[in-house]
Amino acid sequence: MVRSVFQSVYLVYISVYCYL
């Protein structure tokens, strides 16, 4: 559960980083 949430946050972070 926690791992899946962490993975989701990580993917969002990467998406934002690429967007910038």
PDB file of N, CA and C in Angstrom:
ATOM      1  N   MET A   1       0.846  -1.206   0.000  1.00  0.00           N
ATOM      2  CA  MET A   1       0.000   0.000   0.000  1.00  0.00           C
ATOM      3  C   MET A   1       0.876   1.248   0.000  1.00  0.00           C
ATOM      4  N   VAL A   2       1.736   1.333   0.973  1.00  0.00           N
ATOM      5  CA  VAL A   2       2.610   2.504   1.069  1.00  0.00           C
ATOM      6  C   VAL A   2       3.530   2.580  -0.144  1.00  0.00           C
ATOM      7  N   ARG A   3       4.006   1.429  -0.573  1.00  0.00           N
ATOM      8  CA  ARG A   3       4.932   1.402  -1.712  1.00  0.00           C
ATOM      9  C   ARG A   3       4.257   1.909  -2.978  1.00  0.00           C
ATOM     10  N   SER A   4       3.018   1.493  -3.199  1.00  0.00           N
ATOM     11  CA  SER A   4       2.289   1.930  -4.392  1.00  0.00           C
ATOM     12  C   SER A   4       2.069   3.447  -4.359  1.00  0.00           C
ATOM     13  N   VAL A   5       1.769   3.962  -3.177  1.00  0.00           N
ATOM     14  CA  VAL A   5       1.564   5.410  -3.032  1.00  0.00           C
ATOM     15  C   VAL A   5       2.869   6.141  -3.316  1.00  0.00           C
ATOM     16  N   PHE A   6       3.968   5.637  -2.773  1.00  0.00           N
ATOM     17  CA  PHE A   6       5.262   6.250  -2.994  1.00  0.00           C
ATOM     18  C   PHE A   6       5.625   6.236  -4.477  1.00  0.00           C
ATOM     19  N   GLN A   7       5.314   5.118  -5.153  1.00  0.00           N
ATOM     20  CA  GLN A   7       5.605   5.014  -6.583  1.00  0.00           C
ATOM     21  C   GLN A   7       4.794   6.031  -7.370  1.00  0.00           C
ATOM     22  N   SER A   8       3.542   6.225  -6.980  1.00  0.00           N
ATOM     23  CA  SER A   8       2.684   7.189  -7.671  1.00  0.00           C
ATOM     24  C   SER A   8       3.244   8.604  -7.513  1.00  0.00           C
ATOM     25  N   VAL A   9       3.642   8.939  -6.311  1.00  0.00           N
ATOM     26  CA  VAL A   9       4.215  10.265  -6.048  1.00  0.00           C
ATOM     27  C   VAL A   9       5.503  10.443  -6.840  1.00  0.00           C
ATOM     28  N   TYR A  10       6.297   9.393  -6.915  1.00  0.00           N
ATOM     29  CA  TYR A  10       7.558   9.450  -7.650  1.00  0.00           C
ATOM     30  C   TYR A  10       7.310   9.697  -9.133  1.00  0.00           C
ATOM     31  N   LEU A  11       6.316   9.017  -9.686  1.00  0.00           N
ATOM     32  CA  LEU A  11       5.990   9.206 -11.104  1.00  0.00           C
ATOM     33  C   LEU A  11       5.504  10.627 -11.361  1.00  0.00           C
ATOM     34  N   VAL A  12       4.700  11.156 -10.452  1.00  0.00           N
ATOM     35  CA  VAL A  12       4.203  12.529 -10.599  1.00  0.00           C
ATOM     36  C   VAL A  12       5.377  13.504 -10.543  1.00  0.00           C
ATOM     37  N   TYR A  13       6.309  13.264  -9.623  1.00  0.00           N
ATOM     38  CA  TYR A  13       7.484  14.126  -9.479  1.00  0.00           C
ATOM     39  C   TYR A  13       8.302  14.142 -10.761  1.00  0.00           C
ATOM     40  N   ILE A  14       8.491  12.974 -11.356  1.00  0.00           N
ATOM     41  CA  ILE A  14       9.251  12.872 -12.606  1.00  0.00           C
ATOM     42  C   ILE A  14       8.514  13.603 -13.731  1.00  0.00           C
ATOM     43  N   SER A  15       7.204  13.455 -13.762  1.00  0.00           N
ATOM     44  CA  SER A  15       6.408  14.115 -14.799  1.00  0.00           C
ATOM     45  C   SER A  15       6.558  15.638 -14.695  1.00  0.00           C
ATOM     46  N   VAL A  16       6.479  16.154 -13.479  1.00  0.00           N
ATOM     47  CA  VAL A  16       6.624  17.594 -13.259  1.00  0.00           C
ATOM     48  C   VAL A  16       8.036  18.039 -13.645  1.00  0.00           C
ATOM     49  N   TYR A  17       9.030  17.250 -13.282  1.00  0.00           N
ATOM     50  CA  TYR A  17      10.417  17.587 -13.593  1.00  0.00           C
ATOM     51  C   TYR A  17      10.639  17.643 -15.108  1.00  0.00           C
ATOM     52  N   CYS A  18      10.052  16.677 -15.816  1.00  0.00           N
ATOM     53  CA  CYS A  18      10.184  16.653 -17.283  1.00  0.00           C
ATOM     54  C   CYS A  18       9.424  17.828 -17.897  1.00  0.00           C
ATOM     55  N   TYR A  19       8.301  18.165 -17.300  1.00  0.00           N
ATOM     56  CA  TYR A  19       7.500  19.271 -17.814  1.00  0.00           C
ATOM     57  C   TYR A  19       8.271  20.589 -17.700  1.00  0.00           C
ATOM     58  N   LEU A  20       9.013  20.741 -16.625  1.00  0.00           N
ATOM     59  CA  LEU A  20       9.798  21.958 -16.442  1.00  0.00           C
ATOM     60  C   LEU A  20      10.979  21.952 -17.397  1.00  0.00           C
TER      61      LEU A  20
END
